[in-house]
Each structure stands twice: as C-alpha cells, then as structure tokens.
Amino acid sequence: MALESYKIAHLSDIHCGDPRFSDELFANAVHEINAEEPHVTVICGDLTVAGYEDQFAQAKEYIDMIECPIKIVVPGNHDSRNLGYLYFESIFGSRYRMLDLQFGMQSKENFEERIKFVAVDSTKPDLNDGEVGREHYDWLKEEFTEPHTFKVFVLHHHLVSVPGTGRERNIVLDAGDVLALLRGSGVNLVLCGHKHVPYVWMLSNTLIINSGTVSTLRTRGYTPPSYNFINIMPEEVVVLTKTPGENFIEEFFFPRYPVY
C-alpha cells in the first residue's frame, strides 16, 4: 500500500527511577503516539536514571505500551552507569542495530524509496561523555552505501551544540569526524537526545533533530517536556515537537535537499 508520508515518533530521556519522572507525562505521550500510528518509534536513550535492573524493567513496561510495530532503542549515558548496559542488552537487545525498510508514496507517481536506520551506542560506562568511536566508522560507511535510500542515524548524545543548555559539555568527543562521515555517506537525518531541549539543525543539508525529555520535569527554564513526530515526504520533511497532554505544538518544514 502506497503511503502519503513515512512517520517516525522520536522520544528520549525517559529516566525511570528519577523522582522527577512523571507517569502522567509518559501515559499522555503513549496515548498520542498510538493515535498517530507511526511506522517506527525511535527512543534515544536514558531510559533509566542510574542503570539499575528494576529501572530497566520499568522502562520496558512503559515502552511496551507503545503500539508501534517497530521500535529502535539505544542506551544513554544514564543507562550505562553501574554496568547498566548489560541489563540493556538482556532486555532490549543489541546496542548497535540496523533496520532497512521499503516504502512508497502516493503523492509522487511511482515513487518508491528505502529508509535505513543505523543506531549506535554513543555512551562510555559511568561517564557523561559520548563517543561513536573510530572502530565503528567502517561499519557505518558500509551500512550507508545504498543509493536511493533515506538514511537515518540514531544515537543518544548530541553532535551539535544545543541552545539554552548552558556551557557546552558531553558533546560527542569525535563529533567532527562523525559529521564528516555522515555527510560523505549522504545521511539525511540524525536523531538524538541527551540535553532535554528539543532543537533542529540543518547542517550540510542533513537534519539533526534533538528530542527533549518526554516524561520528566528535568527541564531547563521554561522549556516543557516534549517529543517529536517526523513526517518524511517526497518533497519535504516536517518536524512536529509536542508536549505530552498539551495542545502546544511547534511545526517546522524542511525541503528534501540532496545530501552532499
């Protein structure tokens, strides 16, 4: 069946076990996501506050409430505390994953396109710093070689500084090399979290989209909790930032440029 758009739900920083976690916020987000029926849900890490097994079990219960048939989950720096990445792997599977899908669009005659997700663990145990790592560069290049493919890179840490988050810290240590690799590989979209502030950068015609915290009050200033919907269409990409349970929505439109 041809599609009018390909929809991704993008959320991050759930932080189960945190005293500022809100069951109401997450329940509202789940209800809204299920109503929108996205094709893929991407969760960009920090499922827990300290990487403990019971916190991962709680996160799994909440994530299972999302009825989306395909979910891509990566760990965040909080999840890698206290050897928490071992629990992540036992509950959610590999910390590195690839998903290659085919879809078509109604709004452009005979338009068919593949969409490929490549997700990595950018965390370092018991540190807030992030790094993709040179040992993964060849693998990333190989996974992103296919032509006629909308390419999506998923990680927890941010690759580009996020406004309104104070003095810069914890940006991916090899961000410059990773950005060059993504640009050279023709990556269209980067999804990340970590800073609890939603923001969108267009860099060398690659969209870099941060998600805020979906279910906590660990927010900055007047920035409310939030998550994103991303609609991929033949001519443009539409990003909607939504506060769970609220009518407030920010909507951004970006043309589909060829990536260098």
C-alpha atoms as a PDB file:
ATOM      1  CA  MET A   1       0.000   0.000   0.000  1.00  0.00           C
ATOM      2  CA  ALA A   2       1.406   3.380  -1.002  1.00  0.00           C
ATOM      3  CA  LEU A   3       1.932   5.989   1.697  1.00  0.00           C
ATOM      4  CA  GLU A   4       1.414   9.742   1.770  1.00  0.00           C
ATOM      5  CA  SER A   5       4.266  10.082   4.258  1.00  0.00           C
ATOM      6  CA  TYR A   6       6.513   7.968   6.422  1.00  0.00           C
ATOM      7  CA  LYS A   7       6.044   8.834  10.089  1.00  0.00           C
ATOM      8  CA  ILE A   8       8.590   8.460  12.898  1.00  0.00           C
ATOM      9  CA  ALA A   9       7.877   9.056  16.593  1.00  0.00           C
ATOM     10  CA  HIS A  10      11.067  10.316  18.260  1.00  0.00           C
ATOM     11  CA  LEU A  11      11.411  10.437  22.040  1.00  0.00           C
ATOM     12  CA  SER A  12      14.211  10.381  24.577  1.00  0.00           C
ATOM     13  CA  ASP A  13      15.260  10.728  28.212  1.00  0.00           C
ATOM     14  CA  ILE A  14      12.501   8.771  29.938  1.00  0.00           C
ATOM     15  CA  HIS A  15      14.544   8.471  33.172  1.00  0.00           C
ATOM     16  CA  CYS A  16      12.615   5.773  35.007  1.00  0.00           C
ATOM     17  CA  GLY A  17      13.559   5.824  38.700  1.00  0.00           C
ATOM     18  CA  ASP A  18      14.070   9.568  38.810  1.00  0.00           C
ATOM     19  CA  PRO A  19      11.997  11.465  41.420  1.00  0.00           C
ATOM     20  CA  ARG A  20      11.014  13.913  38.651  1.00  0.00           C
ATOM     21  CA  PHE A  21       9.717  11.151  36.382  1.00  0.00           C
ATOM     22  CA  SER A  22       6.015  11.644  35.585  1.00  0.00           C
ATOM     23  CA  ASP A  23       3.789   8.658  34.878  1.00  0.00           C
ATOM     24  CA  GLU A  24       1.148  11.084  33.581  1.00  0.00           C
ATOM     25  CA  LEU A  25       3.510  12.629  31.040  1.00  0.00           C
ATOM     26  CA  PHE A  26       4.525   9.248  29.663  1.00  0.00           C
ATOM     27  CA  ALA A  27       0.940   7.948  29.582  1.00  0.00           C
ATOM     28  CA  ASN A  28      -0.134  11.037  27.637  1.00  0.00           C
ATOM     29  CA  ALA A  29       2.737  10.584  25.183  1.00  0.00           C
ATOM     30  CA  VAL A  30       1.846   6.909  24.683  1.00  0.00           C
ATOM     31  CA  HIS A  31      -1.799   7.773  24.013  1.00  0.00           C
ATOM     32  CA  GLU A  32      -0.824  10.418  21.459  1.00  0.00           C
ATOM     33  CA  ILE A  33       1.771   8.234  19.739  1.00  0.00           C
ATOM     34  CA  ASN A  34      -0.643   5.315  19.461  1.00  0.00           C
ATOM     35  CA  ALA A  35      -3.274   7.640  17.974  1.00  0.00           C
ATOM     36  CA  GLU A  36      -0.806   8.842  15.309  1.00  0.00           C
ATOM     37  CA  GLU A  37       0.208   5.285  14.373  1.00  0.00           C
ATOM     38  CA  PRO A  38       3.843   5.960  13.418  1.00  0.00           C
ATOM     39  CA  HIS A  39       5.663   3.424  11.275  1.00  0.00           C
ATOM     40  CA  VAL A  40       8.734   3.462  13.521  1.00  0.00           C
ATOM     41  CA  THR A  41       9.315   4.719  17.069  1.00  0.00           C
ATOM     42  CA  VAL A  42      12.877   5.769  17.912  1.00  0.00           C
ATOM     43  CA  ILE A  43      13.882   6.080  21.585  1.00  0.00           C
ATOM     44  CA  CYS A  44      17.224   7.836  22.020  1.00  0.00           C
ATOM     45  CA  GLY A  45      18.356   6.588  25.400  1.00  0.00           C
ATOM     46  CA  ASP A  46      18.366   7.479  29.082  1.00  0.00           C
ATOM     47  CA  LEU A  47      15.593   5.017  29.763  1.00  0.00           C
ATOM     48  CA  THR A  48      16.734   4.941  33.395  1.00  0.00           C
ATOM     49  CA  VAL A  49      18.318   7.317  35.888  1.00  0.00           C
ATOM     50  CA  ALA A  50      21.065   5.020  37.182  1.00  0.00           C
ATOM     51  CA  GLY A  51      21.179   1.846  35.069  1.00  0.00           C
ATOM     52  CA  TYR A  52      19.649  -0.479  37.662  1.00  0.00           C
ATOM     53  CA  GLU A  53      17.781  -3.620  36.625  1.00  0.00           C
ATOM     54  CA  ASP A  54      14.446  -2.621  38.170  1.00  0.00           C
ATOM     55  CA  GLN A  55      14.595   0.718  36.345  1.00  0.00           C
ATOM     56  CA  PHE A  56      15.125  -1.057  33.007  1.00  0.00           C
ATOM     57  CA  ALA A  57      12.228  -3.388  33.813  1.00  0.00           C
ATOM     58  CA  GLN A  58      10.014  -0.382  34.470  1.00  0.00           C
ATOM     59  CA  ALA A  59      11.165   1.282  31.239  1.00  0.00           C
ATOM     60  CA  LYS A  60      10.348  -1.900  29.312  1.00  0.00           C
ATOM     61  CA  GLU A  61       6.819  -1.902  30.714  1.00  0.00           C
ATOM     62  CA  TYR A  62       6.278   1.692  29.620  1.00  0.00           C
ATOM     63  CA  ILE A  63       7.826   1.235  26.178  1.00  0.00           C
ATOM     64  CA  ASP A  64       5.715  -1.879  25.593  1.00  0.00           C
ATOM     65  CA  MET A  65       2.638   0.353  25.923  1.00  0.00           C
ATOM     66  CA  ILE A  66       3.597   1.983  22.616  1.00  0.00           C
ATOM     67  CA  GLU A  67       1.746   0.011  19.942  1.00  0.00           C
ATOM     68  CA  CYS A  68       4.085   0.902  17.095  1.00  0.00           C
ATOM     69  CA  PRO A  69       5.198  -2.331  15.363  1.00  0.00           C
ATOM     70  CA  ILE A  70       8.852  -1.281  15.011  1.00  0.00           C
ATOM     71  CA  LYS A  71      10.879   0.283  17.831  1.00  0.00           C
ATOM     72  CA  ILE A  72      14.526   1.272  17.772  1.00  0.00           C
ATOM     73  CA  VAL A  73      16.023   1.807  21.233  1.00  0.00           C
ATOM     74  CA  VAL A  74      19.585   2.887  22.092  1.00  0.00           C
ATOM     75  CA  PRO A  75      21.106   3.402  25.567  1.00  0.00           C
ATOM     76  CA  GLY A  76      22.003   6.758  27.068  1.00  0.00           C
ATOM     77  CA  ASN A  77      24.755   7.737  29.478  1.00  0.00           C
ATOM     78  CA  HIS A  78      22.487   7.137  32.495  1.00  0.00           C
ATOM     79  CA  ASP A  79      21.761   3.623  31.205  1.00  0.00           C
ATOM     80  CA  SER A  80      25.482   2.782  31.110  1.00  0.00           C
ATOM     81  CA  ARG A  81      26.012   3.571  34.781  1.00  0.00           C
ATOM     82  CA  ASN A  82      26.654   0.689  37.169  1.00  0.00           C
ATOM     83  CA  LEU A  83      27.178  -1.758  34.245  1.00  0.00           C
ATOM     84  CA  GLY A  84      23.635  -0.987  33.188  1.00  0.00           C
ATOM     85  CA  TYR A  85      24.471  -1.670  29.544  1.00  0.00           C
ATOM     86  CA  LEU A  86      24.402  -5.380  30.466  1.00  0.00           C
ATOM     87  CA  TYR A  87      20.761  -5.059  31.560  1.00  0.00           C
ATOM     88  CA  PHE A  88      20.011  -3.021  28.438  1.00  0.00           C
ATOM     89  CA  GLU A  89      21.311  -5.818  26.214  1.00  0.00           C
ATOM     90  CA  SER A  90      19.398  -8.529  28.063  1.00  0.00           C
ATOM     91  CA  ILE A  91      16.110  -6.590  27.925  1.00  0.00           C
ATOM     92  CA  PHE A  92      16.285  -4.554  24.696  1.00  0.00           C
ATOM     93  CA  GLY A  93      18.876  -6.430  22.637  1.00  0.00           C
ATOM     94  CA  SER A  94      21.934  -5.183  20.800  1.00  0.00           C
ATOM     95  CA  ARG A  95      23.238  -1.669  21.432  1.00  0.00           C
ATOM     96  CA  TYR A  96      24.090  -1.461  17.718  1.00  0.00           C
ATOM     97  CA  ARG A  97      21.421  -2.160  15.160  1.00  0.00           C
ATOM     98  CA  MET A  98      20.355  -1.672  11.555  1.00  0.00           C
ATOM     99  CA  LEU A  99      16.897  -1.590  10.015  1.00  0.00           C
ATOM    100  CA  ASP A 100      16.300  -1.455   6.242  1.00  0.00           C
ATOM    101  CA  LEU A 101      12.732  -0.867   5.014  1.00  0.00           C
ATOM    102  CA  GLN A 102      10.980  -0.227   1.700  1.00  0.00           C
ATOM    103  CA  PHE A 103       8.130   2.210   1.331  1.00  0.00           C
ATOM    104  CA  GLY A 104       6.276   4.117  -1.374  1.00  0.00           C
ATOM    105  CA  MET A 105       4.461   7.446  -1.582  1.00  0.00           C
ATOM    106  CA  GLN A 106       1.086   8.342  -3.082  1.00  0.00           C
ATOM    107  CA  SER A 107       1.957  11.990  -3.714  1.00  0.00           C
ATOM    108  CA  LYS A 108       4.616  11.299  -6.332  1.00  0.00           C
ATOM    109  CA  GLU A 109       3.937   8.970  -9.252  1.00  0.00           C
ATOM    110  CA  ASN A 110       5.758   5.651  -8.973  1.00  0.00           C
ATOM    111  CA  PHE A 111       7.793   6.985  -6.057  1.00  0.00           C
ATOM    112  CA  GLU A 112       9.431   4.268  -4.006  1.00  0.00           C
ATOM    113  CA  GLU A 113      12.201   4.707  -1.518  1.00  0.00           C
ATOM    114  CA  ARG A 114      14.105   2.706   1.023  1.00  0.00           C
ATOM    115  CA  ILE A 115      14.597   4.034   4.519  1.00  0.00           C
ATOM    116  CA  LYS A 116      17.526   2.767   6.529  1.00  0.00           C
ATOM    117  CA  PHE A 117      18.143   3.270  10.237  1.00  0.00           C
ATOM    118  CA  VAL A 118      21.573   2.715  11.751  1.00  0.00           C
ATOM    119  CA  ALA A 119      21.671   3.055  15.552  1.00  0.00           C
ATOM    120  CA  VAL A 120      24.744   3.118  17.805  1.00  0.00           C
ATOM    121  CA  ASP A 121      25.630   3.221  21.475  1.00  0.00           C
ATOM    122  CA  SER A 122      27.461   6.533  21.981  1.00  0.00           C
ATOM    123  CA  THR A 123      27.932   6.074  25.735  1.00  0.00           C
ATOM    124  CA  LYS A 124      31.023   5.431  27.847  1.00  0.00           C
ATOM    125  CA  PRO A 125      30.444   3.468  31.090  1.00  0.00           C
ATOM    126  CA  ASP A 126      29.990   5.683  34.165  1.00  0.00           C
ATOM    127  CA  LEU A 127      30.787   8.863  32.204  1.00  0.00           C
ATOM    128  CA  ASN A 128      28.521  11.527  30.775  1.00  0.00           C
ATOM    129  CA  ASP A 129      30.768  11.915  27.730  1.00  0.00           C
ATOM    130  CA  GLY A 130      29.784  10.395  24.399  1.00  0.00           C
ATOM    131  CA  GLU A 131      31.791   8.912  21.536  1.00  0.00           C
ATOM    132  CA  VAL A 132      30.919   6.917  18.431  1.00  0.00           C
ATOM    133  CA  GLY A 133      34.455   5.525  18.104  1.00  0.00           C
ATOM    134  CA  ARG A 134      36.783   5.018  15.138  1.00  0.00           C
ATOM    135  CA  GLU A 135      36.294   1.255  15.371  1.00  0.00           C
ATOM    136  CA  HIS A 136      32.730   1.759  14.090  1.00  0.00           C
ATOM    137  CA  TYR A 137      33.447   4.113  11.186  1.00  0.00           C
ATOM    138  CA  ASP A 138      33.962   1.444   8.514  1.00  0.00           C
ATOM    139  CA  TRP A 139      30.789  -0.332   9.597  1.00  0.00           C
ATOM    140  CA  LEU A 140      28.806   2.914   9.383  1.00  0.00           C
ATOM    141  CA  LYS A 141      30.173   3.689   5.918  1.00  0.00           C
ATOM    142  CA  GLU A 142      29.264   0.212   4.721  1.00  0.00           C
ATOM    143  CA  GLU A 143      25.730   0.386   6.123  1.00  0.00           C
ATOM    144  CA  PHE A 144      25.119   3.779   4.484  1.00  0.00           C
ATOM    145  CA  THR A 145      26.362   2.886   0.980  1.00  0.00           C
ATOM    146  CA  GLU A 146      22.978   2.086  -0.643  1.00  0.00           C
ATOM    147  CA  PRO A 147      21.721   4.584  -3.252  1.00  0.00           C
ATOM    148  CA  HIS A 148      18.093   5.793  -3.424  1.00  0.00           C
ATOM    149  CA  THR A 149      17.795   5.420   0.337  1.00  0.00           C
ATOM    150  CA  PHE A 150      16.647   7.862   3.019  1.00  0.00           C
ATOM    151  CA  LYS A 151      19.347   7.365   5.654  1.00  0.00           C
ATOM    152  CA  VAL A 152      18.780   7.863   9.388  1.00  0.00           C
ATOM    153  CA  PHE A 153      21.492   7.799  12.064  1.00  0.00           C
ATOM    154  CA  VAL A 154      20.410   7.276  15.697  1.00  0.00           C
ATOM    155  CA  LEU A 155      22.417   7.905  18.869  1.00  0.00           C
ATOM    156  CA  HIS A 156      21.916   9.348  22.352  1.00  0.00           C
ATOM    157  CA  HIS A 157      24.436  12.185  22.554  1.00  0.00           C
ATOM    158  CA  HIS A 158      24.211  15.368  20.530  1.00  0.00           C
ATOM    159  CA  LEU A 159      26.570  16.049  17.631  1.00  0.00           C
ATOM    160  CA  VAL A 160      25.960  19.810  17.542  1.00  0.00           C
ATOM    161  CA  SER A 161      25.602  22.224  20.471  1.00  0.00           C
ATOM    162  CA  VAL A 162      22.041  22.826  21.643  1.00  0.00           C
ATOM    163  CA  PRO A 163      20.973  26.406  22.518  1.00  0.00           C
ATOM    164  CA  GLY A 164      19.677  27.062  26.009  1.00  0.00           C
ATOM    165  CA  THR A 165      21.667  24.282  27.666  1.00  0.00           C
ATOM    166  CA  GLY A 166      24.387  26.307  29.362  1.00  0.00           C
ATOM    167  CA  ARG A 167      28.111  25.736  28.984  1.00  0.00           C
ATOM    168  CA  GLU A 168      28.788  23.069  26.369  1.00  0.00           C
ATOM    169  CA  ARG A 169      29.730  19.647  27.662  1.00  0.00           C
ATOM    170  CA  ASN A 170      29.188  15.993  26.760  1.00  0.00           C
ATOM    171  CA  ILE A 171      29.055  16.658  23.024  1.00  0.00           C
ATOM    172  CA  VAL A 172      30.256  13.566  21.140  1.00  0.00           C
ATOM    173  CA  LEU A 173      34.040  13.539  21.506  1.00  0.00           C
ATOM    174  CA  ASP A 174      34.566  12.641  17.850  1.00  0.00           C
ATOM    175  CA  ALA A 175      31.698  14.802  16.571  1.00  0.00           C
ATOM    176  CA  GLY A 176      33.720  16.407  13.761  1.00  0.00           C
ATOM    177  CA  ASP A 177      34.815  13.074  12.306  1.00  0.00           C
ATOM    178  CA  VAL A 178      31.326  11.616  12.668  1.00  0.00           C
ATOM    179  CA  LEU A 179      29.689  14.618  10.977  1.00  0.00           C
ATOM    180  CA  ALA A 180      32.149  14.334   8.083  1.00  0.00           C
ATOM    181  CA  LEU A 181      31.413  10.609   7.791  1.00  0.00           C
ATOM    182  CA  LEU A 182      27.657  11.191   7.788  1.00  0.00           C
ATOM    183  CA  ARG A 183      27.937  13.963   5.207  1.00  0.00           C
ATOM    184  CA  GLY A 184      30.142  11.830   2.985  1.00  0.00           C
ATOM    185  CA  SER A 185      27.716   8.918   3.301  1.00  0.00           C
ATOM    186  CA  GLY A 186      24.687  11.008   2.332  1.00  0.00           C
ATOM    187  CA  VAL A 187      22.872  10.685   5.650  1.00  0.00           C
ATOM    188  CA  ASN A 188      19.577  12.606   5.599  1.00  0.00           C
ATOM    189  CA  LEU A 189      18.550  12.588   9.239  1.00  0.00           C
ATOM    190  CA  VAL A 190      20.199  12.322  12.667  1.00  0.00           C
ATOM    191  CA  LEU A 191      18.053  11.606  15.753  1.00  0.00           C
ATOM    192  CA  CYS A 192      19.427  12.173  19.253  1.00  0.00           C
ATOM    193  CA  GLY A 193      18.522  13.346  22.759  1.00  0.00           C
ATOM    194  CA  HIS A 194      20.537  13.868  25.962  1.00  0.00           C
ATOM    195  CA  LYS A 195      20.132  17.619  26.615  1.00  0.00           C
ATOM    196  CA  HIS A 196      16.380  17.646  27.449  1.00  0.00           C
ATOM    197  CA  VAL A 197      15.882  20.504  24.978  1.00  0.00           C
ATOM    198  CA  PRO A 198      14.296  20.000  21.538  1.00  0.00           C
ATOM    199  CA  TYR A 199      16.104  21.587  18.633  1.00  0.00           C
ATOM    200  CA  VAL A 200      16.597  21.122  14.893  1.00  0.00           C
ATOM    201  CA  TRP A 201      19.754  21.944  12.937  1.00  0.00           C
ATOM    202  CA  MET A 202      20.100  21.810   9.153  1.00  0.00           C
ATOM    203  CA  LEU A 203      23.795  21.149   8.550  1.00  0.00           C
ATOM    204  CA  SER A 204      25.113  20.420   5.027  1.00  0.00           C
ATOM    205  CA  ASN A 205      21.512  19.508   4.146  1.00  0.00           C
ATOM    206  CA  THR A 206      21.386  16.893   6.906  1.00  0.00           C
ATOM    207  CA  LEU A 207      18.645  17.396   9.508  1.00  0.00           C
ATOM    208  CA  ILE A 208      19.906  16.913  13.072  1.00  0.00           C
ATOM    209  CA  ILE A 209      16.959  16.615  15.454  1.00  0.00           C
ATOM    210  CA  ASN A 210      17.189  16.621  19.252  1.00  0.00           C
ATOM    211  CA  SER A 211      14.343  15.351  21.388  1.00  0.00           C
ATOM    212  CA  GLY A 212      13.555  16.851  24.758  1.00  0.00           C
ATOM    213  CA  THR A 213      12.739  14.731  27.795  1.00  0.00           C
ATOM    214  CA  VAL A 214       9.409  13.036  27.166  1.00  0.00           C
ATOM    215  CA  SER A 215       8.438  12.071  30.711  1.00  0.00           C
ATOM    216  CA  THR A 216      10.297  14.069  33.346  1.00  0.00           C
ATOM    217  CA  LEU A 217      10.321  17.532  34.828  1.00  0.00           C
ATOM    218  CA  ARG A 218      14.116  17.624  34.486  1.00  0.00           C
ATOM    219  CA  THR A 219      13.690  20.587  32.176  1.00  0.00           C
ATOM    220  CA  ARG A 220      15.564  23.848  31.606  1.00  0.00           C
ATOM    221  CA  GLY A 221      13.893  27.191  32.233  1.00  0.00           C
ATOM    222  CA  TYR A 222      10.524  27.397  30.523  1.00  0.00           C
ATOM    223  CA  THR A 223      11.226  24.543  28.092  1.00  0.00           C
ATOM    224  CA  PRO A 224       8.475  21.961  28.705  1.00  0.00           C
ATOM    225  CA  PRO A 225       8.797  18.172  28.365  1.00  0.00           C
ATOM    226  CA  SER A 226       8.446  17.124  24.735  1.00  0.00           C
ATOM    227  CA  TYR A 227       8.920  14.564  21.990  1.00  0.00           C
ATOM    228  CA  ASN A 228       8.794  14.704  18.172  1.00  0.00           C
ATOM    229  CA  PHE A 229       6.898  13.387  15.191  1.00  0.00           C
ATOM    230  CA  ILE A 230       8.828  13.397  11.915  1.00  0.00           C
ATOM    231  CA  ASN A 231       6.948  13.052   8.635  1.00  0.00           C
ATOM    232  CA  ILE A 232       9.081  12.159   5.622  1.00  0.00           C
ATOM    233  CA  MET A 233       7.506  13.064   2.266  1.00  0.00           C
ATOM    234  CA  PRO A 234       8.860  13.063  -1.290  1.00  0.00           C
ATOM    235  CA  GLU A 235       9.461  16.824  -1.313  1.00  0.00           C
ATOM    236  CA  GLU A 236       9.903  17.776   2.341  1.00  0.00           C
ATOM    237  CA  VAL A 237      10.385  16.674   5.939  1.00  0.00           C
ATOM    238  CA  VAL A 238       8.012  18.016   8.590  1.00  0.00           C
ATOM    239  CA  VAL A 239       9.070  18.015  12.257  1.00  0.00           C
ATOM    240  CA  LEU A 240       6.433  18.446  14.984  1.00  0.00           C
ATOM    241  CA  THR A 241       7.508  18.956  18.587  1.00  0.00           C
ATOM    242  CA  LYS A 242       4.736  18.026  21.028  1.00  0.00           C
ATOM    243  CA  THR A 243       4.287  18.473  24.780  1.00  0.00           C
ATOM    244  CA  PRO A 244       2.570  15.329  26.157  1.00  0.00           C
ATOM    245  CA  GLY A 245      -1.051  16.015  27.043  1.00  0.00           C
ATOM    246  CA  GLU A 246      -0.950  19.616  25.812  1.00  0.00           C
ATOM    247  CA  ASN A 247      -2.213  21.301  22.659  1.00  0.00           C
ATOM    248  CA  PHE A 248       1.075  23.156  22.186  1.00  0.00           C
ATOM    249  CA  ILE A 249       2.848  22.009  19.026  1.00  0.00           C
ATOM    250  CA  GLU A 250       5.805  23.512  17.170  1.00  0.00           C
ATOM    251  CA  GLU A 251       5.947  22.651  13.479  1.00  0.00           C
ATOM    252  CA  PHE A 252       8.966  23.002  11.186  1.00  0.00           C
ATOM    253  CA  PHE A 253       9.188  22.387   7.429  1.00  0.00           C
ATOM    254  CA  PHE A 254      12.392  21.441   5.613  1.00  0.00           C
ATOM    255  CA  PRO A 255      12.773  20.760   1.891  1.00  0.00           C
ATOM    256  CA  ARG A 256      14.233  17.466   0.782  1.00  0.00           C
ATOM    257  CA  TYR A 257      17.651  18.594  -0.422  1.00  0.00           C
ATOM    258  CA  PRO A 258      20.107  16.162  -1.985  1.00  0.00           C
ATOM    259  CA  VAL A 259      22.798  15.420   0.591  1.00  0.00           C
ATOM    260  CA  TYR A 260      26.384  16.154  -0.411  1.00  0.00           C
END
